[in-house]
C-alpha cells in the first residue's frame, strides 16, 4: 500500500530510468554491454529503479492498469537486488531490447490519460494510503520495542525494505 500522491511521480521515475537505459545502450551490442562493466551496472541500476518505482505505486493504480506486467517488473528488481550473483547478461539484454519500449509506451499513456486531480480523490487510494500510514507507524513502534524485521514483515505485511528504512 503506497501513498497516492506519488503515483504520478513514480511513473515519471520509470520513464526517466527507461530513457537513461536507452541513452546508455543506444547503438550498443550485447558484447559491448558485457565488456563495459560501468555500462552494464548503470543499466542494471536503472532496471532496479524501474522495479522499485513500480513497487511504490499504489495497489489501486496497479490494479487499475492490469495490462502492464507489474509483478514481473517488481520480480526483476528483486532478482537484481537480492540475487545479484545470479544476474544474467542475456536476461538484462532481453529486457532492454524487448520489454522496455512497450513498458515506456504504457507508462507514458497512463501519465497522459490519468486525471490526476480525480485520482488523488479516489476513495480506494485514500483508504489505502491511510492504512499504509498506520502500518508504518505500527512497524516503527515494533522496531522500537525490539521486534525482528522478519517478525514485523510477517505481522504488518510490509516489505523488508520499508521496515529497514524506518
N, C-alpha and C. Protein backbone atom coordinates (compact mmCIF):
# COMPACT_ATOMS: atom_id res chain seq x y z
N UNK A 1 0.84 -1.17 0.00
CA UNK A 1 0.00 0.00 0.00
C UNK A 1 0.89 1.23 0.00
N UNK A 2 0.64 2.13 -0.89
CA UNK A 2 1.52 3.26 -1.09
C UNK A 2 0.77 4.59 -1.03
N UNK A 3 1.54 5.65 -0.97
CA UNK A 3 0.97 6.99 -0.93
C UNK A 3 0.45 7.36 -2.31
N UNK A 4 -0.82 7.77 -2.41
CA UNK A 4 -1.41 8.02 -3.72
C UNK A 4 -0.82 9.21 -4.46
N UNK A 5 -0.37 10.21 -3.74
CA UNK A 5 0.13 11.40 -4.41
C UNK A 5 1.43 11.13 -5.16
N UNK A 6 2.01 9.98 -4.92
CA UNK A 6 3.28 9.68 -5.56
C UNK A 6 3.14 8.82 -6.81
N UNK A 7 1.95 8.37 -7.15
CA UNK A 7 1.80 7.51 -8.32
C UNK A 7 2.37 8.18 -9.57
N UNK A 8 1.99 9.41 -9.79
CA UNK A 8 2.47 10.10 -10.99
C UNK A 8 4.00 10.26 -10.95
N UNK A 9 4.52 10.61 -9.81
CA UNK A 9 5.97 10.80 -9.68
C UNK A 9 6.69 9.47 -9.92
N UNK A 10 6.14 8.39 -9.39
CA UNK A 10 6.77 7.07 -9.58
C UNK A 10 6.74 6.69 -11.07
N UNK A 11 5.65 6.98 -11.74
CA UNK A 11 5.58 6.71 -13.18
C UNK A 11 6.63 7.53 -13.93
N UNK A 12 6.81 8.76 -13.51
CA UNK A 12 7.83 9.61 -14.14
C UNK A 12 9.23 9.05 -13.89
N UNK A 13 9.44 8.48 -12.70
CA UNK A 13 10.73 7.85 -12.41
C UNK A 13 10.97 6.66 -13.34
N UNK A 14 9.91 5.91 -13.61
CA UNK A 14 10.03 4.77 -14.53
C UNK A 14 10.44 5.26 -15.92
N UNK A 15 9.78 6.29 -16.40
CA UNK A 15 10.14 6.84 -17.72
C UNK A 15 11.58 7.32 -17.75
N UNK A 16 11.97 8.02 -16.71
CA UNK A 16 13.33 8.56 -16.65
C UNK A 16 14.37 7.43 -16.67
N UNK A 17 14.12 6.37 -15.90
CA UNK A 17 15.06 5.25 -15.86
C UNK A 17 15.12 4.54 -17.21
N UNK A 18 13.98 4.36 -17.86
CA UNK A 18 13.97 3.74 -19.19
C UNK A 18 14.75 4.61 -20.17
N UNK A 19 14.53 5.91 -20.12
CA UNK A 19 15.25 6.81 -21.02
C UNK A 19 16.76 6.76 -20.77
N UNK A 20 17.16 6.65 -19.51
CA UNK A 20 18.59 6.51 -19.22
C UNK A 20 19.15 5.24 -19.85
N UNK A 21 18.42 4.15 -19.70
CA UNK A 21 18.88 2.88 -20.27
C UNK A 21 19.01 3.00 -21.79
N UNK A 22 18.02 3.61 -22.43
CA UNK A 22 18.10 3.77 -23.88
C UNK A 22 19.29 4.66 -24.25
N UNK A 23 19.53 5.69 -23.48
CA UNK A 23 20.66 6.57 -23.74
C UNK A 23 21.97 5.79 -23.62
N UNK A 24 22.09 4.96 -22.60
CA UNK A 24 23.32 4.20 -22.37
C UNK A 24 23.55 3.13 -23.42
N UNK A 25 22.46 2.49 -23.86
CA UNK A 25 22.61 1.30 -24.71
C UNK A 25 22.36 1.56 -26.19
N UNK A 26 21.99 2.78 -26.54
CA UNK A 26 21.71 3.09 -27.95
C UNK A 26 22.93 2.78 -28.82
N UNK A 27 22.72 1.94 -29.81
CA UNK A 27 23.78 1.58 -30.74
C UNK A 27 24.77 0.57 -30.19
N UNK A 28 24.55 0.09 -28.98
CA UNK A 28 25.46 -0.87 -28.36
C UNK A 28 25.00 -2.30 -28.67
N UNK A 29 25.94 -3.21 -28.55
CA UNK A 29 25.64 -4.63 -28.73
C UNK A 29 25.68 -5.31 -27.36
N UNK A 30 25.20 -6.52 -27.32
CA UNK A 30 25.27 -7.28 -26.08
C UNK A 30 26.72 -7.49 -25.65
N UNK A 31 27.61 -7.63 -26.62
CA UNK A 31 29.03 -7.81 -26.31
C UNK A 31 29.60 -6.54 -25.66
N UNK A 32 29.19 -5.38 -26.15
CA UNK A 32 29.66 -4.12 -25.56
C UNK A 32 29.12 -3.97 -24.13
N UNK A 33 27.88 -4.40 -23.93
CA UNK A 33 27.31 -4.37 -22.58
C UNK A 33 28.11 -5.30 -21.66
N UNK A 34 28.47 -6.44 -22.17
CA UNK A 34 29.25 -7.41 -21.40
C UNK A 34 30.66 -6.89 -21.09
N UNK A 35 31.27 -6.23 -22.05
CA UNK A 35 32.66 -5.78 -21.91
C UNK A 35 32.82 -4.51 -21.09
N UNK A 36 31.75 -3.75 -20.94
CA UNK A 36 31.82 -2.46 -20.24
C UNK A 36 31.08 -2.59 -18.90
N UNK A 37 31.81 -2.83 -17.86
CA UNK A 37 31.21 -3.06 -16.53
C UNK A 37 30.37 -1.87 -16.09
N UNK A 38 30.86 -0.66 -16.32
CA UNK A 38 30.12 0.52 -15.90
C UNK A 38 28.79 0.61 -16.66
N UNK A 39 28.82 0.35 -17.94
CA UNK A 39 27.60 0.37 -18.75
C UNK A 39 26.63 -0.70 -18.26
N UNK A 40 27.15 -1.88 -18.00
CA UNK A 40 26.30 -2.98 -17.53
C UNK A 40 25.61 -2.62 -16.23
N UNK A 41 26.38 -2.14 -15.25
CA UNK A 41 25.79 -1.85 -13.94
C UNK A 41 24.94 -0.58 -13.95
N UNK A 42 25.22 0.36 -14.83
CA UNK A 42 24.33 1.52 -14.97
C UNK A 42 22.97 1.06 -15.51
N UNK A 43 23.01 0.12 -16.42
CA UNK A 43 21.77 -0.43 -16.98
C UNK A 43 21.02 -1.21 -15.90
N UNK A 44 21.72 -2.06 -15.19
CA UNK A 44 21.10 -2.86 -14.12
C UNK A 44 20.48 -1.93 -13.07
N UNK A 45 21.20 -0.90 -12.66
CA UNK A 45 20.70 0.02 -11.64
C UNK A 45 19.39 0.66 -12.09
N UNK A 46 19.32 1.04 -13.34
CA UNK A 46 18.09 1.68 -13.82
C UNK A 46 16.95 0.68 -13.94
N UNK A 47 17.23 -0.57 -14.24
CA UNK A 47 16.19 -1.59 -14.22
C UNK A 47 15.69 -1.77 -12.78
N UNK A 48 16.60 -1.71 -11.82
CA UNK A 48 16.21 -1.77 -10.40
C UNK A 48 15.28 -0.61 -10.05
N UNK A 49 15.63 0.58 -10.51
CA UNK A 49 14.82 1.78 -10.24
C UNK A 49 13.41 1.60 -10.80
N UNK A 50 13.31 1.04 -11.98
CA UNK A 50 12.01 0.80 -12.59
C UNK A 50 11.18 -0.12 -11.69
N UNK A 51 11.78 -1.19 -11.22
CA UNK A 51 11.07 -2.12 -10.36
C UNK A 51 10.69 -1.52 -9.02
N UNK A 52 11.58 -0.73 -8.46
CA UNK A 52 11.30 -0.08 -7.17
C UNK A 52 10.17 0.94 -7.33
N UNK A 53 10.20 1.71 -8.40
CA UNK A 53 9.13 2.68 -8.63
C UNK A 53 7.80 1.97 -8.83
N UNK A 54 7.81 0.86 -9.55
CA UNK A 54 6.58 0.09 -9.75
C UNK A 54 6.06 -0.43 -8.41
N UNK A 55 6.96 -0.89 -7.56
CA UNK A 55 6.59 -1.39 -6.24
C UNK A 55 5.91 -0.30 -5.40
N UNK A 56 6.37 0.92 -5.55
CA UNK A 56 5.84 2.02 -4.75
C UNK A 56 4.57 2.65 -5.33
N UNK A 57 4.12 2.18 -6.48
CA UNK A 57 2.81 2.60 -6.96
C UNK A 57 1.75 2.03 -6.02
N UNK A 58 0.64 2.71 -5.90
CA UNK A 58 -0.43 2.16 -5.06
C UNK A 58 -0.94 0.88 -5.71
N UNK A 59 -1.43 -0.02 -4.86
CA UNK A 59 -2.05 -1.24 -5.37
C UNK A 59 -3.23 -0.85 -6.25
N UNK A 60 -3.94 0.18 -5.85
CA UNK A 60 -5.10 0.63 -6.63
C UNK A 60 -4.68 1.02 -8.05
N UNK A 61 -3.56 1.71 -8.18
CA UNK A 61 -3.11 2.11 -9.52
C UNK A 61 -2.71 0.90 -10.33
N UNK A 62 -1.93 0.02 -9.73
CA UNK A 62 -1.51 -1.19 -10.46
C UNK A 62 -2.72 -2.02 -10.86
N UNK A 63 -3.67 -2.15 -9.95
CA UNK A 63 -4.88 -2.93 -10.27
C UNK A 63 -5.72 -2.28 -11.34
N UNK A 64 -5.69 -0.96 -11.41
CA UNK A 64 -6.45 -0.23 -12.43
C UNK A 64 -5.80 -0.35 -13.81
N UNK A 65 -4.56 -0.84 -13.85
CA UNK A 65 -3.81 -0.95 -15.11
C UNK A 65 -3.21 -2.36 -15.23
N UNK A 66 -4.08 -3.36 -15.34
CA UNK A 66 -3.60 -4.75 -15.36
C UNK A 66 -2.89 -5.16 -16.64
N UNK A 67 -2.91 -4.31 -17.66
CA UNK A 67 -2.23 -4.63 -18.91
C UNK A 67 -0.72 -4.54 -18.81
N UNK A 68 -0.24 -3.96 -17.74
CA UNK A 68 1.20 -3.84 -17.52
C UNK A 68 1.63 -4.95 -16.58
N UNK A 69 2.72 -5.65 -16.89
CA UNK A 69 3.17 -6.77 -16.05
C UNK A 69 3.91 -6.29 -14.80
N UNK A 70 3.19 -5.60 -13.92
CA UNK A 70 3.81 -5.01 -12.73
C UNK A 70 4.56 -6.04 -11.90
N UNK A 71 3.96 -7.21 -11.71
CA UNK A 71 4.60 -8.24 -10.88
C UNK A 71 5.95 -8.67 -11.48
N UNK A 72 6.00 -8.82 -12.79
CA UNK A 72 7.25 -9.21 -13.45
C UNK A 72 8.30 -8.11 -13.30
N UNK A 73 7.87 -6.87 -13.41
CA UNK A 73 8.78 -5.73 -13.26
C UNK A 73 9.37 -5.72 -11.84
N UNK A 74 8.52 -5.94 -10.85
CA UNK A 74 8.98 -5.94 -9.46
C UNK A 74 9.84 -7.17 -9.16
N UNK A 75 9.49 -8.31 -9.74
CA UNK A 75 10.30 -9.53 -9.55
C UNK A 75 11.70 -9.33 -10.11
N UNK A 76 11.80 -8.69 -11.27
CA UNK A 76 13.11 -8.45 -11.88
C UNK A 76 13.96 -7.60 -10.94
N UNK A 77 13.38 -6.59 -10.35
CA UNK A 77 14.11 -5.75 -9.41
C UNK A 77 14.60 -6.58 -8.23
N UNK A 78 13.74 -7.44 -7.70
CA UNK A 78 14.12 -8.26 -6.56
C UNK A 78 15.28 -9.20 -6.90
N UNK A 79 15.25 -9.74 -8.09
CA UNK A 79 16.35 -10.62 -8.52
C UNK A 79 17.64 -9.82 -8.61
N UNK A 80 17.59 -8.66 -9.22
CA UNK A 80 18.79 -7.85 -9.39
C UNK A 80 19.38 -7.40 -8.05
N UNK A 81 18.51 -7.11 -7.09
CA UNK A 81 18.98 -6.62 -5.79
C UNK A 81 19.38 -7.77 -4.88
N UNK A 82 18.53 -8.77 -4.73
CA UNK A 82 18.75 -9.81 -3.75
C UNK A 82 19.54 -11.01 -4.28
N UNK A 83 19.42 -11.27 -5.57
CA UNK A 83 20.14 -12.39 -6.17
C UNK A 83 21.15 -11.86 -7.19
N UNK A 84 21.82 -10.79 -6.83
CA UNK A 84 22.76 -10.10 -7.72
C UNK A 84 23.77 -11.06 -8.35
N UNK A 85 24.13 -12.11 -7.63
CA UNK A 85 25.11 -13.07 -8.13
C UNK A 85 24.53 -13.96 -9.22
N UNK A 86 23.22 -13.87 -9.43
CA UNK A 86 22.58 -14.68 -10.47
C UNK A 86 22.22 -13.85 -11.71
N UNK A 87 22.64 -12.59 -11.75
CA UNK A 87 22.30 -11.73 -12.88
C UNK A 87 22.88 -12.32 -14.15
N UNK A 88 22.05 -12.43 -15.15
CA UNK A 88 22.46 -12.99 -16.44
C UNK A 88 22.41 -11.89 -17.50
N UNK A 89 23.53 -11.73 -18.17
CA UNK A 89 23.65 -10.73 -19.23
C UNK A 89 22.52 -10.87 -20.24
N UNK A 90 22.23 -12.09 -20.67
CA UNK A 90 21.19 -12.30 -21.69
C UNK A 90 19.83 -11.83 -21.22
N UNK A 91 19.52 -12.01 -19.94
CA UNK A 91 18.24 -11.57 -19.40
C UNK A 91 18.14 -10.04 -19.37
N UNK A 92 19.22 -9.40 -18.94
CA UNK A 92 19.23 -7.93 -18.91
C UNK A 92 19.10 -7.40 -20.34
N UNK A 93 19.82 -7.98 -21.27
CA UNK A 93 19.76 -7.55 -22.66
C UNK A 93 18.35 -7.74 -23.24
N UNK A 94 17.72 -8.86 -22.90
CA UNK A 94 16.36 -9.13 -23.37
C UNK A 94 15.39 -8.07 -22.85
N UNK A 95 15.52 -7.71 -21.59
CA UNK A 95 14.68 -6.66 -21.02
C UNK A 95 14.87 -5.36 -21.78
N UNK A 96 16.12 -5.00 -22.03
CA UNK A 96 16.42 -3.75 -22.74
C UNK A 96 15.84 -3.78 -24.16
N UNK A 97 16.04 -4.88 -24.85
CA UNK A 97 15.65 -4.98 -26.25
C UNK A 97 14.14 -5.21 -26.48
N UNK A 98 13.50 -5.95 -25.56
CA UNK A 98 12.12 -6.37 -25.82
C UNK A 98 11.07 -5.78 -24.88
N UNK A 99 11.44 -5.50 -23.66
CA UNK A 99 10.43 -5.16 -22.66
C UNK A 99 10.28 -3.68 -22.36
N UNK A 100 11.33 -2.92 -22.50
CA UNK A 100 11.29 -1.53 -22.06
C UNK A 100 10.46 -0.61 -22.96
N UNK A 101 10.52 -0.81 -24.27
CA UNK A 101 9.72 0.08 -25.15
C UNK A 101 8.22 -0.05 -24.88
N UNK A 102 7.69 -1.29 -24.83
CA UNK A 102 6.25 -1.40 -24.52
C UNK A 102 5.91 -0.83 -23.13
N UNK A 103 6.78 -1.06 -22.16
CA UNK A 103 6.53 -0.52 -20.82
C UNK A 103 6.54 1.00 -20.86
N UNK A 104 7.49 1.58 -21.57
CA UNK A 104 7.57 3.03 -21.67
C UNK A 104 6.30 3.60 -22.30
N UNK A 105 5.83 2.97 -23.37
CA UNK A 105 4.61 3.42 -24.04
C UNK A 105 3.41 3.37 -23.10
N UNK A 106 3.29 2.27 -22.35
CA UNK A 106 2.16 2.14 -21.41
C UNK A 106 2.23 3.21 -20.33
N UNK A 107 3.39 3.39 -19.73
CA UNK A 107 3.54 4.34 -18.64
C UNK A 107 3.29 5.76 -19.12
N UNK A 108 3.82 6.11 -20.29
CA UNK A 108 3.58 7.45 -20.84
C UNK A 108 2.09 7.67 -21.08
N UNK A 109 1.41 6.65 -21.55
CA UNK A 109 -0.03 6.73 -21.78
C UNK A 109 -0.77 6.92 -20.46
N UNK A 110 -0.38 6.19 -19.43
CA UNK A 110 -1.03 6.32 -18.11
C UNK A 110 -0.87 7.75 -17.58
N UNK A 111 0.31 8.30 -17.74
CA UNK A 111 0.56 9.67 -17.26
C UNK A 111 -0.33 10.64 -18.01
N UNK A 112 -0.41 10.48 -19.32
CA UNK A 112 -1.19 11.40 -20.15
C UNK A 112 -2.69 11.25 -19.95
N UNK A 113 -3.16 10.03 -19.77
CA UNK A 113 -4.61 9.79 -19.73
C UNK A 113 -5.23 9.88 -18.35
N UNK A 114 -4.43 9.80 -17.30
CA UNK A 114 -4.99 9.82 -15.95
C UNK A 114 -5.34 11.25 -15.55
N UNK A 115 -6.54 11.41 -15.03
CA UNK A 115 -6.95 12.69 -14.44
C UNK A 115 -6.40 12.68 -13.01
N UNK A 116 -5.25 13.28 -12.81
CA UNK A 116 -4.55 13.17 -11.53
C UNK A 116 -5.30 13.83 -10.40
N UNK A 117 -6.03 14.90 -10.68
CA UNK A 117 -6.83 15.53 -9.62
C UNK A 117 -7.90 14.56 -9.13
N UNK A 118 -8.54 13.87 -10.05
CA UNK A 118 -9.56 12.88 -9.68
C UNK A 118 -8.92 11.67 -9.02
N UNK A 119 -7.79 11.22 -9.55
CA UNK A 119 -7.13 10.04 -8.98
C UNK A 119 -6.80 10.26 -7.51
N UNK A 120 -6.33 11.44 -7.18
CA UNK A 120 -5.95 11.73 -5.80
C UNK A 120 -7.16 11.78 -4.87
N UNK A 121 -8.37 11.91 -5.43
CA UNK A 121 -9.60 11.91 -4.64
C UNK A 121 -10.22 10.52 -4.56
N UNK A 122 -9.65 9.56 -5.26
CA UNK A 122 -10.16 8.19 -5.33
C UNK A 122 -10.22 7.60 -3.91
N UNK A 123 -11.40 7.19 -3.49
CA UNK A 123 -11.60 6.69 -2.13
C UNK A 123 -10.71 5.48 -1.82
N UNK A 124 -10.58 4.57 -2.76
CA UNK A 124 -9.75 3.38 -2.54
C UNK A 124 -8.29 3.79 -2.30
N UNK A 125 -7.82 4.73 -3.07
CA UNK A 125 -6.44 5.20 -2.93
C UNK A 125 -6.24 5.91 -1.60
N UNK A 126 -7.20 6.72 -1.20
CA UNK A 126 -7.11 7.45 0.07
C UNK A 126 -7.09 6.46 1.24
N UNK A 127 -7.99 5.48 1.20
CA UNK A 127 -8.03 4.47 2.26
C UNK A 127 -6.73 3.67 2.28
N UNK A 128 -6.26 3.27 1.10
CA UNK A 128 -5.00 2.51 1.02
C UNK A 128 -3.86 3.30 1.63
N UNK A 129 -3.81 4.59 1.35
CA UNK A 129 -2.75 5.43 1.89
C UNK A 129 -2.85 5.53 3.41
N UNK A 130 -4.05 5.68 3.94
CA UNK A 130 -4.24 5.78 5.38
C UNK A 130 -3.86 4.47 6.07
N UNK A 131 -4.24 3.35 5.49
CA UNK A 131 -3.88 2.05 6.05
C UNK A 131 -2.37 1.87 6.05
N UNK A 132 -1.74 2.24 4.94
CA UNK A 132 -0.28 2.11 4.84
C UNK A 132 0.40 2.97 5.90
N UNK A 133 -0.08 4.17 6.08
CA UNK A 133 0.50 5.07 7.08
C UNK A 133 0.40 4.44 8.47
N UNK A 134 -0.75 3.83 8.79
CA UNK A 134 -0.92 3.16 10.08
C UNK A 134 0.02 1.97 10.22
N UNK A 135 0.20 1.20 9.14
CA UNK A 135 1.11 0.06 9.19
C UNK A 135 2.55 0.52 9.44
N UNK A 136 2.94 1.61 8.83
CA UNK A 136 4.28 2.16 9.03
C UNK A 136 4.45 2.58 10.49
N UNK A 137 3.43 3.23 11.05
CA UNK A 137 3.51 3.65 12.45
C UNK A 137 3.62 2.43 13.37
N UNK A 138 2.85 1.40 13.07
CA UNK A 138 2.91 0.16 13.86
C UNK A 138 4.30 -0.46 13.75
N UNK A 139 4.82 -0.54 12.55
CA UNK A 139 6.15 -1.11 12.33
C UNK A 139 7.21 -0.31 13.09
N UNK A 140 7.08 1.00 13.08
CA UNK A 140 8.04 1.85 13.79
C UNK A 140 8.01 1.54 15.29
N UNK A 141 6.82 1.41 15.85
CA UNK A 141 6.70 1.08 17.28
C UNK A 141 7.28 -0.32 17.56
N UNK A 142 6.99 -1.26 16.68
CA UNK A 142 7.50 -2.62 16.86
C UNK A 142 9.03 -2.64 16.81
N UNK A 143 9.58 -1.87 15.89
CA UNK A 143 11.03 -1.80 15.76
C UNK A 143 11.66 -1.20 17.03
N UNK A 144 11.00 -0.15 17.56
CA UNK A 144 11.50 0.47 18.79
C UNK A 144 11.45 -0.50 19.97
N UNK A 145 10.50 -1.42 19.93
CA UNK A 145 10.35 -2.39 21.02
C UNK A 145 11.24 -3.62 20.81
N UNK A 146 12.01 -3.62 19.74
CA UNK A 146 12.98 -4.67 19.54
C UNK A 146 12.53 -5.87 18.71
N UNK A 147 11.40 -5.73 18.03
CA UNK A 147 10.95 -6.83 17.17
C UNK A 147 11.94 -7.01 16.03
N UNK A 148 12.13 -8.23 15.60
CA UNK A 148 12.95 -8.56 14.45
C UNK A 148 12.25 -8.10 13.17
N UNK A 149 13.01 -7.67 12.19
CA UNK A 149 12.45 -7.19 10.92
C UNK A 149 11.56 -8.25 10.27
N UNK A 150 11.98 -9.51 10.32
CA UNK A 150 11.16 -10.58 9.73
C UNK A 150 9.82 -10.72 10.43
N UNK A 151 9.82 -10.56 11.76
CA UNK A 151 8.56 -10.61 12.50
C UNK A 151 7.65 -9.46 12.09
N UNK A 152 8.23 -8.29 11.97
CA UNK A 152 7.45 -7.11 11.59
C UNK A 152 6.86 -7.31 10.20
N UNK A 153 7.66 -7.85 9.28
CA UNK A 153 7.17 -8.14 7.92
C UNK A 153 5.96 -9.07 7.98
N UNK A 154 6.10 -10.12 8.75
CA UNK A 154 5.04 -11.12 8.83
C UNK A 154 3.77 -10.54 9.43
N UNK A 155 3.90 -9.72 10.44
CA UNK A 155 2.74 -9.17 11.14
C UNK A 155 2.07 -8.05 10.34
N UNK A 156 2.86 -7.16 9.76
CA UNK A 156 2.29 -5.99 9.08
C UNK A 156 2.06 -6.20 7.59
N UNK A 157 2.80 -7.13 6.99
CA UNK A 157 2.71 -7.30 5.55
C UNK A 157 3.55 -6.30 4.77
N UNK A 158 4.30 -5.47 5.48
CA UNK A 158 5.18 -4.51 4.82
C UNK A 158 6.42 -5.21 4.29
N UNK A 159 7.01 -4.61 3.29
CA UNK A 159 8.25 -5.15 2.72
C UNK A 159 9.43 -4.86 3.63
N UNK A 160 10.38 -5.75 3.59
CA UNK A 160 11.60 -5.62 4.39
C UNK A 160 12.25 -4.26 4.18
N UNK A 161 12.32 -3.80 2.94
CA UNK A 161 12.96 -2.53 2.62
C UNK A 161 12.25 -1.35 3.31
N UNK A 162 10.92 -1.44 3.38
CA UNK A 162 10.16 -0.37 4.04
C UNK A 162 10.48 -0.33 5.52
N UNK A 163 10.56 -1.49 6.14
CA UNK A 163 10.79 -1.57 7.58
C UNK A 163 12.22 -1.16 7.89
N UNK A 164 13.16 -1.59 7.08
CA UNK A 164 14.56 -1.22 7.31
C UNK A 164 14.77 0.30 7.14
N UNK A 165 13.92 0.91 6.31
CA UNK A 165 14.02 2.35 6.06
C UNK A 165 13.40 3.21 7.13
N UNK A 166 12.76 2.58 8.10
CA UNK A 166 12.08 3.33 9.18
C UNK A 166 13.10 3.78 10.21
